Amino acid sequence: AAFLNALHSTPTALARAAGIHEFRMDEGRYEWLENGVNIVLKLRGLDPVLDGALDWLQTAPWTQHHYDGPFQLIHGGLESRHVLVDPSTGSLQGVIDWTDTHLGDAARDFVFLVTWKGWQFAEDVLQLYPRAIDREFRARLRHIAQLLSLMDLAYPHDPYDQKPDLARYLRYVHNAFAGSGA
């Protein structure tokens, strides 16, 4: 919560001066999303929760709910492999891979909390997060977490891993869709 607060408190003028831009769904991102959907739909029958998630995917809009609030500096790729934690204390030691940094909706940076450790963990962090969140924050977070958990399954992250950890990516889907009826 302290890290996310510090990141999201960065003045947008300062971020813009550093060359950070607002997130935009462009043709390349739509293509990435469409390809990911086509890949993950081929996994039907692998897991009952995944099947429900795929049903959701076929009816849900692919883009996130509209966000009218003020943009904040967003890491944009806070997955467990980018968050360095001291295993003996559980304290945050660092955050790497800032290539997806942009100005956008703070909900995007909470996705990894949901997929990695589940909704209760995300809620626990939100209780400690001092910044105000709007009424639609959790709905946007749910939508983004569900969609990106499926994209994680479609595009395993480690290009050097010849045999991706399918169980981990399925756990991300399970976490994102917990309590959603999918």
Foldseek 3Di string as FASTA:
>chain_A
DVVLLVQQPPDVVVVVVVVAAADDCDPVNVVLLVLLLVQLVVCPPVDPLSVVLNVCVVPDDLDFDDDDDFWGWAQQDDAPVQWDADVVPRDTDGGDDSPRIHTHDSLSNLLNQQLVPADVSSVVVVVVRPDDDDPCSVVRNLSNNSSVLSSCLSDPDDPVDPDGPNVSSVSSNCRSCPPVRD
